[in-house]
Amino acid sequence: MTDIKKLKQKIKDSGMTMTAIAKKSYISRETLYNRLNGLGEFTASEIVGLTHALKLTKHERDIIFLNKKLN
């Protein structure tokens, strides 16, 4: 289950618009908004796209999308 709160914070911290993030991650803007509002789960390709667009580390990606508590 995705940690939406942490993902939204990373989006805010990026300084990019939702449109720019959607474009860079190859996700439609509508789909991105739906996922952030709990409508459906992120697919593997969406996670890869967002990881690239937001420049997430593997650690950040795992915490946000896989709810891993890594030490």
PDB file of N, CA and C in Angstrom:
ATOM      1  N   MET A   1       0.837  -1.180   0.000  1.00  0.00           N
ATOM      2  CA  MET A   1       0.000   0.000   0.000  1.00  0.00           C
ATOM      3  C   MET A   1       0.887   1.250   0.000  1.00  0.00           C
ATOM      4  N   THR A   2       0.556   2.165  -0.822  1.00  0.00           N
ATOM      5  CA  THR A   2       1.339   3.382  -0.994  1.00  0.00           C
ATOM      6  C   THR A   2       1.138   4.344   0.168  1.00  0.00           C
ATOM      7  N   ASP A   3       2.234   4.944   0.619  1.00  0.00           N
ATOM      8  CA  ASP A   3       2.165   5.973   1.656  1.00  0.00           C
ATOM      9  C   ASP A   3       1.902   7.300   0.929  1.00  0.00           C
ATOM     10  N   ILE A   4       0.627   7.605   0.731  1.00  0.00           N
ATOM     11  CA  ILE A   4       0.214   8.775  -0.039  1.00  0.00           C
ATOM     12  C   ILE A   4       0.722  10.064   0.595  1.00  0.00           C
ATOM     13  N   LYS A   5       0.717  10.131   1.914  1.00  0.00           N
ATOM     14  CA  LYS A   5       1.175  11.337   2.610  1.00  0.00           C
ATOM     15  C   LYS A   5       2.635  11.637   2.264  1.00  0.00           C
ATOM     16  N   LYS A   6       3.483  10.625   2.308  1.00  0.00           N
ATOM     17  CA  LYS A   6       4.902  10.828   1.983  1.00  0.00           C
ATOM     18  C   LYS A   6       5.080  11.159   0.506  1.00  0.00           C
ATOM     19  N   LEU A   7       4.305  10.524  -0.350  1.00  0.00           N
ATOM     20  CA  LEU A   7       4.396  10.805  -1.784  1.00  0.00           C
ATOM     21  C   LEU A   7       3.985  12.250  -2.070  1.00  0.00           C
ATOM     22  N   LYS A   8       2.898  12.701  -1.466  1.00  0.00           N
ATOM     23  CA  LYS A   8       2.453  14.079  -1.668  1.00  0.00           C
ATOM     24  C   LYS A   8       3.506  15.069  -1.170  1.00  0.00           C
ATOM     25  N   GLN A   9       4.194  14.730  -0.088  1.00  0.00           N
ATOM     26  CA  GLN A   9       5.250  15.611   0.423  1.00  0.00           C
ATOM     27  C   GLN A   9       6.412  15.680  -0.562  1.00  0.00           C
ATOM     28  N   LYS A  10       6.784  14.544  -1.152  1.00  0.00           N
ATOM     29  CA  LYS A  10       7.858  14.539  -2.150  1.00  0.00           C
ATOM     30  C   LYS A  10       7.453  15.353  -3.378  1.00  0.00           C
ATOM     31  N   ILE A  11       6.198  15.269  -3.762  1.00  0.00           N
ATOM     32  CA  ILE A  11       5.696  16.058  -4.892  1.00  0.00           C
ATOM     33  C   ILE A  11       5.792  17.540  -4.556  1.00  0.00           C
ATOM     34  N   LYS A  12       5.364  17.903  -3.362  1.00  0.00           N
ATOM     35  CA  LYS A  12       5.424  19.305  -2.930  1.00  0.00           C
ATOM     36  C   LYS A  12       6.876  19.793  -2.895  1.00  0.00           C
ATOM     37  N   ASP A  13       7.757  18.970  -2.342  1.00  0.00           N
ATOM     38  CA  ASP A  13       9.169  19.330  -2.225  1.00  0.00           C
ATOM     39  C   ASP A  13       9.850  19.478  -3.589  1.00  0.00           C
ATOM     40  N   SER A  14       9.323  18.793  -4.594  1.00  0.00           N
ATOM     41  CA  SER A  14       9.946  18.840  -5.919  1.00  0.00           C
ATOM     42  C   SER A  14       9.806  20.214  -6.568  1.00  0.00           C
ATOM     43  N   GLY A  15       8.770  20.951  -6.176  1.00  0.00           N
ATOM     44  CA  GLY A  15       8.539  22.263  -6.755  1.00  0.00           C
ATOM     45  C   GLY A  15       7.924  22.217  -8.146  1.00  0.00           C
ATOM     46  N   MET A  16       7.641  21.022  -8.638  1.00  0.00           N
ATOM     47  CA  MET A  16       7.034  20.874  -9.964  1.00  0.00           C
ATOM     48  C   MET A  16       5.515  20.871  -9.855  1.00  0.00           C
ATOM     49  N   THR A  17       4.870  21.234 -10.946  1.00  0.00           N
ATOM     50  CA  THR A  17       3.413  21.159 -10.998  1.00  0.00           C
ATOM     51  C   THR A  17       3.006  19.701 -11.199  1.00  0.00           C
ATOM     52  N   MET A  18       1.764  19.407 -10.905  1.00  0.00           N
ATOM     53  CA  MET A  18       1.250  18.048 -11.119  1.00  0.00           C
ATOM     54  C   MET A  18       1.318  17.692 -12.607  1.00  0.00           C
ATOM     55  N   THR A  19       1.064  18.664 -13.458  1.00  0.00           N
ATOM     56  CA  THR A  19       1.118  18.431 -14.897  1.00  0.00           C
ATOM     57  C   THR A  19       2.533  18.047 -15.315  1.00  0.00           C
ATOM     58  N   ALA A  20       3.527  18.754 -14.789  1.00  0.00           N
ATOM     59  CA  ALA A  20       4.926  18.455 -15.119  1.00  0.00           C
ATOM     60  C   ALA A  20       5.326  17.073 -14.616  1.00  0.00           C
ATOM     61  N   ILE A  21       4.912  16.730 -13.410  1.00  0.00           N
ATOM     62  CA  ILE A  21       5.236  15.415 -12.853  1.00  0.00           C
ATOM     63  C   ILE A  21       4.581  14.324 -13.678  1.00  0.00           C
ATOM     64  N   ALA A  22       3.318  14.508 -14.021  1.00  0.00           N
ATOM     65  CA  ALA A  22       2.612  13.516 -14.839  1.00  0.00           C
ATOM     66  C   ALA A  22       3.324  13.326 -16.178  1.00  0.00           C
ATOM     67  N   LYS A  23       3.701  14.421 -16.788  1.00  0.00           N
ATOM     68  CA  LYS A  23       4.373  14.362 -18.093  1.00  0.00           C
ATOM     69  C   LYS A  23       5.716  13.645 -17.989  1.00  0.00           C
ATOM     70  N   LYS A  24       6.514  13.998 -16.969  1.00  0.00           N
ATOM     71  CA  LYS A  24       7.831  13.387 -16.794  1.00  0.00           C
ATOM     72  C   LYS A  24       7.748  11.911 -16.431  1.00  0.00           C
ATOM     73  N   SER A  25       6.669  11.515 -15.789  1.00  0.00           N
ATOM     74  CA  SER A  25       6.533  10.124 -15.364  1.00  0.00           C
ATOM     75  C   SER A  25       5.700   9.288 -16.328  1.00  0.00           C
ATOM     76  N   TYR A  26       5.256   9.914 -17.430  1.00  0.00           N
ATOM     77  CA  TYR A  26       4.466   9.223 -18.459  1.00  0.00           C
ATOM     78  C   TYR A  26       3.166   8.642 -17.905  1.00  0.00           C
ATOM     79  N   ILE A  27       2.556   9.408 -16.987  1.00  0.00           N
ATOM     80  CA  ILE A  27       1.258   9.053 -16.418  1.00  0.00           C
ATOM     81  C   ILE A  27       0.306  10.179 -16.790  1.00  0.00           C
ATOM     82  N   SER A  28      -0.918   9.830 -17.155  1.00  0.00           N
ATOM     83  CA  SER A  28      -1.862  10.917 -17.435  1.00  0.00           C
ATOM     84  C   SER A  28      -2.133  11.676 -16.145  1.00  0.00           C
ATOM     85  N   ARG A  29      -2.379  12.956 -16.276  1.00  0.00           N
ATOM     86  CA  ARG A  29      -2.653  13.797 -15.106  1.00  0.00           C
ATOM     87  C   ARG A  29      -3.845  13.260 -14.325  1.00  0.00           C
ATOM     88  N   GLU A  30      -4.863  12.846 -15.047  1.00  0.00           N
ATOM     89  CA  GLU A  30      -6.061  12.300 -14.402  1.00  0.00           C
ATOM     90  C   GLU A  30      -5.730  11.051 -13.586  1.00  0.00           C
ATOM     91  N   THR A  31      -4.931  10.165 -14.154  1.00  0.00           N
ATOM     92  CA  THR A  31      -4.543   8.944 -13.442  1.00  0.00           C
ATOM     93  C   THR A  31      -3.743   9.286 -12.198  1.00  0.00           C
ATOM     94  N   LEU A  32      -2.828  10.234 -12.315  1.00  0.00           N
ATOM     95  CA  LEU A  32      -2.023  10.635 -11.160  1.00  0.00           C
ATOM     96  C   LEU A  32      -2.917  11.160 -10.037  1.00  0.00           C
ATOM     97  N   TYR A  33      -3.847  12.045 -10.373  1.00  0.00           N
ATOM     98  CA  TYR A  33      -4.777  12.560  -9.360  1.00  0.00           C
ATOM     99  C   TYR A  33      -5.613  11.429  -8.760  1.00  0.00           C
ATOM    100  N   ASN A  34      -6.088  10.510  -9.596  1.00  0.00           N
ATOM    101  CA  ASN A  34      -6.869   9.381  -9.089  1.00  0.00           C
ATOM    102  C   ASN A  34      -6.064   8.556  -8.086  1.00  0.00           C
ATOM    103  N   ARG A  35      -4.818   8.239  -8.431  1.00  0.00           N
ATOM    104  CA  ARG A  35      -3.974   7.438  -7.540  1.00  0.00           C
ATOM    105  C   ARG A  35      -3.737   8.177  -6.221  1.00  0.00           C
ATOM    106  N   LEU A  36      -3.500   9.474  -6.303  1.00  0.00           N
ATOM    107  CA  LEU A  36      -3.250  10.254  -5.088  1.00  0.00           C
ATOM    108  C   LEU A  36      -4.493  10.385  -4.224  1.00  0.00           C
ATOM    109  N   ASN A  37      -5.648  10.181  -4.822  1.00  0.00           N
ATOM    110  CA  ASN A  37      -6.910  10.225  -4.068  1.00  0.00           C
ATOM    111  C   ASN A  37      -7.421   8.833  -3.719  1.00  0.00           C
ATOM    112  N   GLY A  38      -6.560   7.829  -3.860  1.00  0.00           N
ATOM    113  CA  GLY A  38      -6.904   6.478  -3.431  1.00  0.00           C
ATOM    114  C   GLY A  38      -7.723   5.667  -4.407  1.00  0.00           C
ATOM    115  N   LEU A  39      -7.852   6.150  -5.637  1.00  0.00           N
ATOM    116  CA  LEU A  39      -8.604   5.394  -6.647  1.00  0.00           C
ATOM    117  C   LEU A  39      -7.637   4.524  -7.442  1.00  0.00           C
ATOM    118  N   GLY A  40      -7.523   3.291  -7.035  1.00  0.00           N
ATOM    119  CA  GLY A  40      -6.616   2.353  -7.690  1.00  0.00           C
ATOM    120  C   GLY A  40      -5.223   2.396  -7.088  1.00  0.00           C
ATOM    121  N   GLU A  41      -4.464   1.354  -7.377  1.00  0.00           N
ATOM    122  CA  GLU A  41      -3.096   1.239  -6.901  1.00  0.00           C
ATOM    123  C   GLU A  41      -2.138   1.641  -8.016  1.00  0.00           C
ATOM    124  N   PHE A  42      -0.975   2.144  -7.638  1.00  0.00           N
ATOM    125  CA  PHE A  42       0.044   2.474  -8.621  1.00  0.00           C
ATOM    126  C   PHE A  42       0.557   1.197  -9.275  1.00  0.00           C
ATOM    127  N   THR A  43       0.707   1.238 -10.591  1.00  0.00           N
ATOM    128  CA  THR A  43       1.274   0.101 -11.312  1.00  0.00           C
ATOM    129  C   THR A  43       2.794   0.189 -11.249  1.00  0.00           C
ATOM    130  N   ALA A  44       3.458  -0.890 -11.624  1.00  0.00           N
ATOM    131  CA  ALA A  44       4.920  -0.907 -11.621  1.00  0.00           C
ATOM    132  C   ALA A  44       5.485   0.184 -12.525  1.00  0.00           C
ATOM    133  N   SER A  45       4.904   0.351 -13.704  1.00  0.00           N
ATOM    134  CA  SER A  45       5.422   1.368 -14.627  1.00  0.00           C
ATOM    135  C   SER A  45       5.181   2.784 -14.089  1.00  0.00           C
ATOM    136  N   GLU A  46       4.099   2.986 -13.375  1.00  0.00           N
ATOM    137  CA  GLU A  46       3.837   4.297 -12.765  1.00  0.00           C
ATOM    138  C   GLU A  46       4.838   4.581 -11.647  1.00  0.00           C
ATOM    139  N   ILE A  47       5.172   3.557 -10.878  1.00  0.00           N
ATOM    140  CA  ILE A  47       6.154   3.710  -9.805  1.00  0.00           C
ATOM    141  C   ILE A  47       7.521   4.049 -10.392  1.00  0.00           C
ATOM    142  N   VAL A  48       7.895   3.351 -11.459  1.00  0.00           N
ATOM    143  CA  VAL A  48       9.170   3.633 -12.124  1.00  0.00           C
ATOM    144  C   VAL A  48       9.179   5.069 -12.641  1.00  0.00           C
ATOM    145  N   GLY A  49       8.090   5.483 -13.275  1.00  0.00           N
ATOM    146  CA  GLY A  49       7.998   6.841 -13.808  1.00  0.00           C
ATOM    147  C   GLY A  49       8.094   7.895 -12.729  1.00  0.00           C
ATOM    148  N   LEU A  50       7.398   7.702 -11.630  1.00  0.00           N
ATOM    149  CA  LEU A  50       7.436   8.671 -10.533  1.00  0.00           C
ATOM    150  C   LEU A  50       8.797   8.682  -9.845  1.00  0.00           C
ATOM    151  N   THR A  51       9.417   7.513  -9.736  1.00  0.00           N
ATOM    152  CA  THR A  51      10.754   7.441  -9.154  1.00  0.00           C
ATOM    153  C   THR A  51      11.717   8.294  -9.963  1.00  0.00           C
ATOM    154  N   HIS A  52      11.610   8.195 -11.279  1.00  0.00           N
ATOM    155  CA  HIS A  52      12.464   8.994 -12.166  1.00  0.00           C
ATOM    156  C   HIS A  52      12.105  10.481 -12.083  1.00  0.00           C
ATOM    157  N   ALA A  53      10.835  10.803 -12.202  1.00  0.00           N
ATOM    158  CA  ALA A  53      10.403  12.200 -12.230  1.00  0.00           C
ATOM    159  C   ALA A  53      10.726  12.934 -10.931  1.00  0.00           C
ATOM    160  N   LEU A  54      10.561  12.255  -9.813  1.00  0.00           N
ATOM    161  CA  LEU A  54      10.790  12.883  -8.507  1.00  0.00           C
ATOM    162  C   LEU A  54      12.207  12.655  -7.986  1.00  0.00           C
ATOM    163  N   LYS A  55      13.005  11.921  -8.763  1.00  0.00           N
ATOM    164  CA  LYS A  55      14.390  11.615  -8.389  1.00  0.00           C
ATOM    165  C   LYS A  55      14.455  10.952  -7.017  1.00  0.00           C
ATOM    166  N   LEU A  56      13.598   9.945  -6.835  1.00  0.00           N
ATOM    167  CA  LEU A  56      13.576   9.213  -5.578  1.00  0.00           C
ATOM    168  C   LEU A  56      14.736   8.225  -5.528  1.00  0.00           C
ATOM    169  N   THR A  57      15.305   8.060  -4.349  1.00  0.00           N
ATOM    170  CA  THR A  57      16.295   7.009  -4.163  1.00  0.00           C
ATOM    171  C   THR A  57      15.542   5.684  -4.058  1.00  0.00           C
ATOM    172  N   LYS A  58      16.255   4.586  -4.164  1.00  0.00           N
ATOM    173  CA  LYS A  58      15.620   3.278  -4.012  1.00  0.00           C
ATOM    174  C   LYS A  58      15.013   3.154  -2.619  1.00  0.00           C
ATOM    175  N   HIS A  59      15.704   3.695  -1.648  1.00  0.00           N
ATOM    176  CA  HIS A  59      15.208   3.672  -0.267  1.00  0.00           C
ATOM    177  C   HIS A  59      13.887   4.438  -0.146  1.00  0.00           C
ATOM    178  N   GLU A  60      13.847   5.646  -0.718  1.00  0.00           N
ATOM    179  CA  GLU A  60      12.620   6.450  -0.679  1.00  0.00           C
ATOM    180  C   GLU A  60      11.494   5.743  -1.423  1.00  0.00           C
ATOM    181  N   ARG A  61      11.804   5.191  -2.587  1.00  0.00           N
ATOM    182  CA  ARG A  61      10.807   4.467  -3.370  1.00  0.00           C
ATOM    183  C   ARG A  61      10.203   3.322  -2.561  1.00  0.00           C
ATOM    184  N   ASP A  62      11.074   2.547  -1.909  1.00  0.00           N
ATOM    185  CA  ASP A  62      10.597   1.403  -1.133  1.00  0.00           C
ATOM    186  C   ASP A  62       9.734   1.834   0.049  1.00  0.00           C
ATOM    187  N   ILE A  63      10.120   2.903   0.712  1.00  0.00           N
ATOM    188  CA  ILE A  63       9.332   3.399   1.847  1.00  0.00           C
ATOM    189  C   ILE A  63       7.962   3.888   1.375  1.00  0.00           C
ATOM    190  N   ILE A  64       7.933   4.634   0.269  1.00  0.00           N
ATOM    191  CA  ILE A  64       6.675   5.206  -0.211  1.00  0.00           C
ATOM    192  C   ILE A  64       5.760   4.154  -0.822  1.00  0.00           C
ATOM    193  N   PHE A  65       6.296   3.344  -1.712  1.00  0.00           N
ATOM    194  CA  PHE A  65       5.430   2.444  -2.475  1.00  0.00           C
ATOM    195  C   PHE A  65       5.311   1.039  -1.906  1.00  0.00           C
ATOM    196  N   LEU A  66       6.291   0.607  -1.120  1.00  0.00           N
ATOM    197  CA  LEU A  66       6.247  -0.753  -0.590  1.00  0.00           C
ATOM    198  C   LEU A  66       6.079  -0.797   0.922  1.00  0.00           C
ATOM    199  N   ASN A  67       5.995   0.395   1.521  1.00  0.00           N
ATOM    200  CA  ASN A  67       5.854   0.516   2.976  1.00  0.00           C
ATOM    201  C   ASN A  67       6.910  -0.280   3.733  1.00  0.00           C
ATOM    202  N   LYS A  68       8.126  -0.262   3.197  1.00  0.00           N
ATOM    203  CA  LYS A  68       9.218  -0.952   3.878  1.00  0.00           C
ATOM    204  C   LYS A  68       9.827  -0.022   4.908  1.00  0.00           C
ATOM    205  N   LYS A  69      10.014  -0.529   6.075  1.00  0.00           N
ATOM    206  CA  LYS A  69      10.687   0.216   7.130  1.00  0.00           C
ATOM    207  C   LYS A  69      12.139  -0.242   7.125  1.00  0.00           C
ATOM    208  N   LEU A  70      12.958   0.442   6.351  1.00  0.00           N
ATOM    209  CA  LEU A  70      14.351   0.063   6.221  1.00  0.00           C
ATOM    210  C   LEU A  70      15.205   0.812   7.224  1.00  0.00           C
ATOM    211  N   ASN A  71      16.172   0.121   7.781  1.00  0.00           N
ATOM    212  CA  ASN A  71      17.081   0.757   8.754  1.00  0.00           C
ATOM    213  C   ASN A  71      18.279   1.328   8.067  1.00  0.00           C
TER     214      ASN A  71
END
